[in-house]
Every structure is written in structure tokens, then in C-alpha cells.
Amino acid sequence: MDTAAKILIVGGVLNLAYGFLTGFVLGNTRMKSPEAPKYLVLAHTGPLIQGPMLLGLVFAVDLSPLAGQIETLAASLLVASSAFLHAGNTLHWLQGVRDAFAERPPGFFLVGFSTILAVAGLAILVVGVFDGL
């Protein structure tokens, strides 16, 4: 198994673990109040979506004929993107942000940076997948 696949697997598993951790927090919060903070919900559901996505991208790396260093860069960008996304949403929740677009708190910029990393990493893998077909 190559390095890019290992990075995606570790990133995917860590995402799932963070999703479960925030799930416990969300459950405890809901026990006290019927309404959960929006960004706590996002900090919980985001990793549960991103985890399987990263795990599934292992197949894209396997199909891609790109150089190992390029695939490793793509995997690293995607895992870093995920980390910045979850850090931003967690920060929003901890700071009590109601609307990140209106308020522009620090987490807003982490989430924005996450998008740039994700687009770059996914673009590399898209090229690799189509090159491998």
C-alpha cells in the first residue's frame, strides 16, 4: 500500500473518531436542551461525511497512474482540508457563532482555506483517475 492510501485511511479513521467524539458532546447537549447549536451539529456530521469520503478516495489513488509524490500531495491536501474544516466548525461552535458568513469569525477563514485545499487535492486525483482509465 502506498503512502497516499495510508494518509487517506488514517485521515478517514481520524475523521470518524472525531465525529463520534462530537456525537457524544452533541448527545449530552441535546439531553439538556432540545435545540443543538448549528455548528456543533456541523462539527459532528462533517467528519462522519468526510471520513468515508477519504476512505473511498483510496480507490482513486489505486486507479491513478500519477507519481507517488503527487498522489501523496493530493491525499495530504484532502486530509488537511478536512482538519481545517472541522477546526473551523468546532471553533464556530465554541465561540457561539450564529452565522459565520455574517460574522466572519476566525473559523470562517479556516473553513475557507479548507475549501482551497480540497479543490486542489481533488483536482489532482480527478486528473489521476481520468489518466488511469
N, C-alpha and C. Protein backbone atom coordinates (compact mmCIF):
# COMPACT_ATOMS: atom_id res chain seq x y z
N MET A 1 0.85 -1.17 0.00
CA MET A 1 0.00 0.00 0.00
C MET A 1 0.90 1.24 0.00
N ASP A 2 0.55 2.19 -0.87
CA ASP A 2 1.40 3.37 -0.97
C ASP A 2 1.05 4.42 0.08
N THR A 3 1.92 5.41 0.18
CA THR A 3 1.80 6.45 1.21
C THR A 3 0.50 7.23 1.10
N ALA A 4 0.08 7.57 -0.11
CA ALA A 4 -1.16 8.34 -0.29
C ALA A 4 -2.35 7.58 0.28
N ALA A 5 -2.42 6.30 0.01
CA ALA A 5 -3.53 5.48 0.52
C ALA A 5 -3.49 5.44 2.05
N LYS A 6 -2.32 5.30 2.61
CA LYS A 6 -2.20 5.28 4.08
C LYS A 6 -2.66 6.61 4.69
N ILE A 7 -2.28 7.71 4.07
CA ILE A 7 -2.69 9.03 4.56
C ILE A 7 -4.21 9.15 4.52
N LEU A 8 -4.82 8.71 3.43
CA LEU A 8 -6.28 8.79 3.32
C LEU A 8 -6.97 7.89 4.34
N ILE A 9 -6.42 6.72 4.57
CA ILE A 9 -7.02 5.80 5.55
C ILE A 9 -6.91 6.38 6.96
N VAL A 10 -5.73 6.86 7.33
CA VAL A 10 -5.57 7.45 8.66
C VAL A 10 -6.48 8.67 8.80
N GLY A 11 -6.51 9.52 7.79
CA GLY A 11 -7.38 10.69 7.83
C GLY A 11 -8.85 10.31 7.94
N GLY A 12 -9.26 9.30 7.21
CA GLY A 12 -10.65 8.85 7.27
C GLY A 12 -11.02 8.31 8.63
N VAL A 13 -10.14 7.51 9.20
CA VAL A 13 -10.42 6.93 10.53
C VAL A 13 -10.43 8.03 11.59
N LEU A 14 -9.51 8.98 11.51
CA LEU A 14 -9.50 10.09 12.48
C LEU A 14 -10.76 10.94 12.35
N ASN A 15 -11.23 11.13 11.13
CA ASN A 15 -12.48 11.86 10.93
C ASN A 15 -13.63 11.14 11.62
N LEU A 16 -13.71 9.84 11.43
CA LEU A 16 -14.78 9.08 12.06
C LEU A 16 -14.68 9.16 13.58
N ALA A 17 -13.47 9.08 14.09
CA ALA A 17 -13.28 9.17 15.54
C ALA A 17 -13.73 10.53 16.06
N TYR A 18 -13.40 11.60 15.33
CA TYR A 18 -13.82 12.94 15.75
C TYR A 18 -15.33 13.08 15.66
N GLY A 19 -15.91 12.50 14.64
CA GLY A 19 -17.36 12.52 14.50
C GLY A 19 -18.05 11.83 15.66
N PHE A 20 -17.50 10.70 16.11
CA PHE A 20 -18.07 10.00 17.26
C PHE A 20 -17.88 10.82 18.53
N LEU A 21 -16.71 11.43 18.69
CA LEU A 21 -16.45 12.25 19.87
C LEU A 21 -17.43 13.42 19.96
N THR A 22 -17.59 14.14 18.85
CA THR A 22 -18.53 15.25 18.86
C THR A 22 -19.97 14.76 18.98
N GLY A 23 -20.21 13.53 18.58
CA GLY A 23 -21.53 12.94 18.76
C GLY A 23 -21.88 12.78 20.23
N PHE A 24 -20.90 12.38 21.03
CA PHE A 24 -21.13 12.30 22.47
C PHE A 24 -21.45 13.68 23.05
N VAL A 25 -20.70 14.68 22.62
CA VAL A 25 -20.94 16.05 23.09
C VAL A 25 -22.33 16.50 22.64
N LEU A 26 -22.67 16.22 21.40
CA LEU A 26 -23.98 16.61 20.87
C LEU A 26 -25.10 15.92 21.65
N GLY A 27 -24.93 14.64 21.93
CA GLY A 27 -25.94 13.91 22.70
C GLY A 27 -26.14 14.51 24.09
N ASN A 28 -25.03 14.83 24.75
CA ASN A 28 -25.13 15.45 26.08
C ASN A 28 -25.78 16.83 26.01
N THR A 29 -25.47 17.57 24.98
CA THR A 29 -26.07 18.89 24.80
C THR A 29 -27.57 18.77 24.57
N ARG A 30 -27.97 17.80 23.78
CA ARG A 30 -29.40 17.61 23.48
C ARG A 30 -30.16 17.11 24.70
N MET A 31 -29.49 16.45 25.63
CA MET A 31 -30.16 16.00 26.86
C MET A 31 -30.58 17.20 27.72
N LYS A 32 -29.82 18.28 27.58
CA LYS A 32 -30.09 19.48 28.39
C LYS A 32 -31.02 20.46 27.68
N SER A 33 -30.98 20.44 26.36
CA SER A 33 -31.77 21.38 25.57
C SER A 33 -32.21 20.69 24.29
N PRO A 34 -33.46 20.90 23.87
CA PRO A 34 -33.91 20.22 22.65
C PRO A 34 -33.26 20.77 21.38
N GLU A 35 -32.69 21.96 21.48
CA GLU A 35 -32.08 22.56 20.30
C GLU A 35 -30.56 22.51 20.42
N ALA A 36 -29.92 21.99 19.39
CA ALA A 36 -28.46 21.90 19.39
C ALA A 36 -27.88 23.07 18.58
N PRO A 37 -26.74 23.59 19.01
CA PRO A 37 -26.09 24.64 18.23
C PRO A 37 -25.74 24.14 16.81
N LYS A 38 -26.03 24.97 15.83
CA LYS A 38 -25.83 24.61 14.42
C LYS A 38 -24.41 24.12 14.15
N TYR A 39 -23.43 24.81 14.69
CA TYR A 39 -22.05 24.46 14.37
C TYR A 39 -21.56 23.23 15.13
N LEU A 40 -22.20 22.89 16.23
CA LEU A 40 -21.91 21.61 16.89
C LEU A 40 -22.44 20.48 16.01
N VAL A 41 -23.60 20.66 15.44
CA VAL A 41 -24.15 19.66 14.52
C VAL A 41 -23.21 19.49 13.32
N LEU A 42 -22.72 20.59 12.79
CA LEU A 42 -21.78 20.51 11.66
C LEU A 42 -20.46 19.87 12.07
N ALA A 43 -19.99 20.18 13.28
CA ALA A 43 -18.74 19.58 13.76
C ALA A 43 -18.90 18.08 13.96
N HIS A 44 -20.13 17.63 14.14
CA HIS A 44 -20.41 16.20 14.29
C HIS A 44 -20.63 15.53 12.94
N THR A 45 -21.51 16.10 12.11
CA THR A 45 -21.85 15.43 10.85
C THR A 45 -20.76 15.56 9.79
N GLY A 46 -20.03 16.67 9.80
CA GLY A 46 -18.96 16.85 8.82
C GLY A 46 -17.94 15.72 8.81
N PRO A 47 -17.38 15.38 9.96
CA PRO A 47 -16.42 14.27 9.99
C PRO A 47 -17.03 12.93 9.61
N LEU A 48 -18.31 12.75 9.91
CA LEU A 48 -18.96 11.49 9.55
C LEU A 48 -19.20 11.38 8.05
N ILE A 49 -19.21 12.51 7.37
CA ILE A 49 -19.30 12.52 5.90
C ILE A 49 -17.91 12.44 5.29
N GLN A 50 -16.99 13.22 5.84
CA GLN A 50 -15.63 13.29 5.27
C GLN A 50 -14.84 12.00 5.49
N GLY A 51 -15.09 11.33 6.61
CA GLY A 51 -14.36 10.09 6.88
C GLY A 51 -14.54 9.04 5.79
N PRO A 52 -15.77 8.65 5.48
CA PRO A 52 -15.98 7.68 4.40
C PRO A 52 -15.51 8.20 3.04
N MET A 53 -15.62 9.52 2.83
CA MET A 53 -15.14 10.09 1.57
C MET A 53 -13.64 9.85 1.41
N LEU A 54 -12.89 10.14 2.47
CA LEU A 54 -11.44 9.93 2.40
C LEU A 54 -11.12 8.45 2.23
N LEU A 55 -11.84 7.60 2.94
CA LEU A 55 -11.62 6.16 2.79
C LEU A 55 -11.93 5.71 1.36
N GLY A 56 -12.97 6.24 0.77
CA GLY A 56 -13.32 5.89 -0.60
C GLY A 56 -12.30 6.37 -1.62
N LEU A 57 -11.64 7.48 -1.33
CA LEU A 57 -10.64 8.02 -2.26
C LEU A 57 -9.39 7.14 -2.36
N VAL A 58 -9.27 6.18 -1.46
CA VAL A 58 -8.17 5.21 -1.58
C VAL A 58 -8.27 4.50 -2.92
N PHE A 59 -9.49 4.25 -3.39
CA PHE A 59 -9.68 3.60 -4.69
C PHE A 59 -9.22 4.50 -5.83
N ALA A 60 -9.42 5.80 -5.68
CA ALA A 60 -8.96 6.74 -6.70
C ALA A 60 -7.44 6.73 -6.79
N VAL A 61 -6.79 6.68 -5.65
CA VAL A 61 -5.32 6.63 -5.62
C VAL A 61 -4.84 5.34 -6.27
N ASP A 62 -5.55 4.26 -6.01
CA ASP A 62 -5.17 2.97 -6.59
C ASP A 62 -5.32 2.97 -8.11
N LEU A 63 -6.32 3.67 -8.61
CA LEU A 63 -6.56 3.75 -10.05
C LEU A 63 -5.59 4.70 -10.75
N SER A 64 -5.12 5.70 -10.03
CA SER A 64 -4.30 6.75 -10.61
C SER A 64 -2.88 6.27 -10.94
N PRO A 65 -2.40 6.59 -12.14
CA PRO A 65 -1.01 6.27 -12.50
C PRO A 65 -0.03 7.41 -12.20
N LEU A 66 -0.48 8.45 -11.52
CA LEU A 66 0.40 9.58 -11.22
C LEU A 66 1.54 9.14 -10.31
N ALA A 67 2.58 9.94 -10.28
CA ALA A 67 3.72 9.65 -9.41
C ALA A 67 3.27 9.63 -7.95
N GLY A 68 3.91 8.77 -7.18
CA GLY A 68 3.56 8.62 -5.77
C GLY A 68 3.61 9.92 -5.00
N GLN A 69 4.58 10.78 -5.31
CA GLN A 69 4.69 12.06 -4.59
C GLN A 69 3.49 12.96 -4.88
N ILE A 70 3.01 12.92 -6.10
CA ILE A 70 1.85 13.75 -6.48
C ILE A 70 0.60 13.23 -5.78
N GLU A 71 0.44 11.91 -5.76
CA GLU A 71 -0.71 11.32 -5.07
C GLU A 71 -0.65 11.61 -3.56
N THR A 72 0.56 11.54 -3.00
CA THR A 72 0.73 11.84 -1.58
C THR A 72 0.39 13.30 -1.29
N LEU A 73 0.76 14.19 -2.19
CA LEU A 73 0.40 15.60 -2.05
C LEU A 73 -1.12 15.76 -2.06
N ALA A 74 -1.78 15.10 -3.00
CA ALA A 74 -3.24 15.19 -3.10
C ALA A 74 -3.90 14.67 -1.83
N ALA A 75 -3.45 13.52 -1.35
CA ALA A 75 -4.02 12.94 -0.13
C ALA A 75 -3.78 13.85 1.07
N SER A 76 -2.60 14.40 1.15
CA SER A 76 -2.28 15.31 2.26
C SER A 76 -3.14 16.57 2.22
N LEU A 77 -3.35 17.11 1.04
CA LEU A 77 -4.20 18.29 0.90
C LEU A 77 -5.63 17.99 1.33
N LEU A 78 -6.14 16.83 0.95
CA LEU A 78 -7.51 16.46 1.30
C LEU A 78 -7.68 16.23 2.80
N VAL A 79 -6.71 15.57 3.41
CA VAL A 79 -6.80 15.32 4.85
C VAL A 79 -6.63 16.65 5.61
N ALA A 80 -5.71 17.49 5.16
CA ALA A 80 -5.54 18.80 5.80
C ALA A 80 -6.80 19.64 5.64
N SER A 81 -7.41 19.58 4.47
CA SER A 81 -8.66 20.29 4.23
C SER A 81 -9.72 19.87 5.23
N SER A 82 -9.83 18.60 5.44
CA SER A 82 -10.79 18.06 6.39
C SER A 82 -10.52 18.58 7.80
N ALA A 83 -9.26 18.59 8.19
CA ALA A 83 -8.89 19.06 9.52
C ALA A 83 -9.23 20.54 9.69
N PHE A 84 -8.95 21.36 8.69
CA PHE A 84 -9.27 22.79 8.77
C PHE A 84 -10.78 23.01 8.81
N LEU A 85 -11.53 22.23 8.05
CA LEU A 85 -12.98 22.35 8.06
C LEU A 85 -13.54 22.07 9.44
N HIS A 86 -13.11 20.97 10.04
CA HIS A 86 -13.63 20.60 11.35
C HIS A 86 -13.14 21.56 12.44
N ALA A 87 -11.92 22.04 12.31
CA ALA A 87 -11.42 23.03 13.27
C ALA A 87 -12.25 24.30 13.19
N GLY A 88 -12.58 24.73 11.98
CA GLY A 88 -13.38 25.93 11.81
C GLY A 88 -14.78 25.78 12.39
N ASN A 89 -15.43 24.66 12.10
CA ASN A 89 -16.78 24.45 12.62
C ASN A 89 -16.77 24.28 14.14
N THR A 90 -15.74 23.62 14.66
CA THR A 90 -15.64 23.47 16.12
C THR A 90 -15.41 24.83 16.77
N LEU A 91 -14.56 25.64 16.17
CA LEU A 91 -14.32 26.98 16.69
C LEU A 91 -15.60 27.82 16.65
N HIS A 92 -16.35 27.72 15.57
CA HIS A 92 -17.63 28.42 15.48
C HIS A 92 -18.53 28.02 16.64
N TRP A 93 -18.62 26.72 16.89
CA TRP A 93 -19.48 26.24 17.97
C TRP A 93 -19.00 26.76 19.33
N LEU A 94 -17.69 26.65 19.59
CA LEU A 94 -17.16 27.07 20.88
C LEU A 94 -17.32 28.57 21.11
N GLN A 95 -17.29 29.34 20.03
CA GLN A 95 -17.43 30.79 20.14
C GLN A 95 -18.89 31.26 20.08
N GLY A 96 -19.81 30.31 19.91
CA GLY A 96 -21.22 30.67 19.87
C GLY A 96 -21.63 31.43 18.62
N VAL A 97 -20.94 31.18 17.52
CA VAL A 97 -21.26 31.86 16.26
C VAL A 97 -22.64 31.42 15.78
N ARG A 98 -23.41 32.37 15.32
CA ARG A 98 -24.74 32.04 14.79
C ARG A 98 -24.72 31.97 13.26
N ASP A 99 -23.98 32.87 12.62
CA ASP A 99 -23.90 32.90 11.16
C ASP A 99 -22.48 33.31 10.78
N ALA A 100 -21.69 32.33 10.39
CA ALA A 100 -20.28 32.59 10.08
C ALA A 100 -20.12 33.53 8.90
N PHE A 101 -21.03 33.47 7.94
CA PHE A 101 -20.91 34.35 6.78
C PHE A 101 -21.16 35.81 7.17
N ALA A 102 -22.06 36.03 8.08
CA ALA A 102 -22.35 37.41 8.51
C ALA A 102 -21.31 37.92 9.50
N GLU A 103 -20.86 37.04 10.40
CA GLU A 103 -19.97 37.47 11.47
C GLU A 103 -18.49 37.44 11.10
N ARG A 104 -18.11 36.59 10.18
CA ARG A 104 -16.71 36.42 9.75
C ARG A 104 -15.75 36.19 10.92
N PRO A 105 -16.02 35.18 11.77
CA PRO A 105 -15.11 34.88 12.88
C PRO A 105 -13.87 34.15 12.35
N PRO A 106 -12.85 33.92 13.21
CA PRO A 106 -11.63 33.24 12.75
C PRO A 106 -11.89 31.90 12.07
N GLY A 107 -12.86 31.15 12.58
CA GLY A 107 -13.17 29.85 11.98
C GLY A 107 -13.63 29.95 10.54
N PHE A 108 -14.22 31.07 10.18
CA PHE A 108 -14.68 31.29 8.81
C PHE A 108 -13.51 31.18 7.83
N PHE A 109 -12.37 31.73 8.22
CA PHE A 109 -11.20 31.71 7.35
C PHE A 109 -10.56 30.32 7.31
N LEU A 110 -10.66 29.57 8.40
CA LEU A 110 -10.19 28.19 8.39
C LEU A 110 -11.01 27.35 7.41
N VAL A 111 -12.32 27.55 7.44
CA VAL A 111 -13.21 26.81 6.54
C VAL A 111 -12.94 27.22 5.09
N GLY A 112 -12.70 28.50 4.86
CA GLY A 112 -12.37 28.97 3.51
C GLY A 112 -11.08 28.37 3.00
N PHE A 113 -10.07 28.32 3.86
CA PHE A 113 -8.79 27.71 3.48
C PHE A 113 -8.98 26.23 3.21
N SER A 114 -9.85 25.60 3.97
CA SER A 114 -10.17 24.19 3.77
C SER A 114 -10.67 23.94 2.35
N THR A 115 -11.49 24.85 1.86
CA THR A 115 -12.05 24.70 0.52
C THR A 115 -10.95 24.73 -0.54
N ILE A 116 -10.01 25.64 -0.38
CA ILE A 116 -8.91 25.75 -1.34
C ILE A 116 -8.10 24.45 -1.37
N LEU A 117 -7.79 23.92 -0.19
CA LEU A 117 -7.02 22.67 -0.11
C LEU A 117 -7.78 21.52 -0.74
N ALA A 118 -9.09 21.46 -0.47
CA ALA A 118 -9.91 20.36 -1.00
C ALA A 118 -9.97 20.39 -2.52
N VAL A 119 -10.17 21.58 -3.07
CA VAL A 119 -10.25 21.70 -4.52
C VAL A 119 -8.93 21.28 -5.16
N ALA A 120 -7.83 21.70 -4.59
CA ALA A 120 -6.52 21.34 -5.15
C ALA A 120 -6.27 19.83 -5.06
N GLY A 121 -6.52 19.26 -3.90
CA GLY A 121 -6.30 17.82 -3.74
C GLY A 121 -7.20 16.99 -4.62
N LEU A 122 -8.46 17.37 -4.70
CA LEU A 122 -9.40 16.60 -5.52
C LEU A 122 -9.09 16.77 -7.00
N ALA A 123 -8.67 17.96 -7.41
CA ALA A 123 -8.31 18.17 -8.81
C ALA A 123 -7.18 17.24 -9.24
N ILE A 124 -6.20 17.08 -8.37
CA ILE A 124 -5.09 16.16 -8.67
C ILE A 124 -5.62 14.74 -8.86
N LEU A 125 -6.47 14.30 -7.93
CA LEU A 125 -6.98 12.93 -8.04
C LEU A 125 -7.91 12.74 -9.22
N VAL A 126 -8.66 13.77 -9.58
CA VAL A 126 -9.51 13.68 -10.79
C VAL A 126 -8.65 13.46 -12.02
N VAL A 127 -7.57 14.23 -12.12
CA VAL A 127 -6.65 14.06 -13.26
C VAL A 127 -6.08 12.65 -13.24
N GLY A 128 -5.68 12.18 -12.07
CA GLY A 128 -5.11 10.84 -11.96
C GLY A 128 -6.11 9.75 -12.34
N VAL A 129 -7.34 9.89 -11.89
CA VAL A 129 -8.36 8.88 -12.21
C VAL A 129 -8.63 8.83 -13.70
N PHE A 130 -8.80 10.02 -14.31
CA PHE A 130 -9.08 10.02 -15.76
C PHE A 130 -7.86 9.54 -16.56
N ASP A 131 -6.68 9.81 -16.05
CA ASP A 131 -5.47 9.32 -16.72
C ASP A 131 -5.37 7.80 -16.59
N GLY A 132 -5.93 7.26 -15.52
CA GLY A 132 -5.86 5.82 -15.29
C GLY A 132 -6.93 5.01 -15.98
N LEU A 133 -7.90 5.69 -16.59
CA LEU A 133 -8.98 4.95 -17.28
C LEU A 133 -8.57 4.44 -18.63
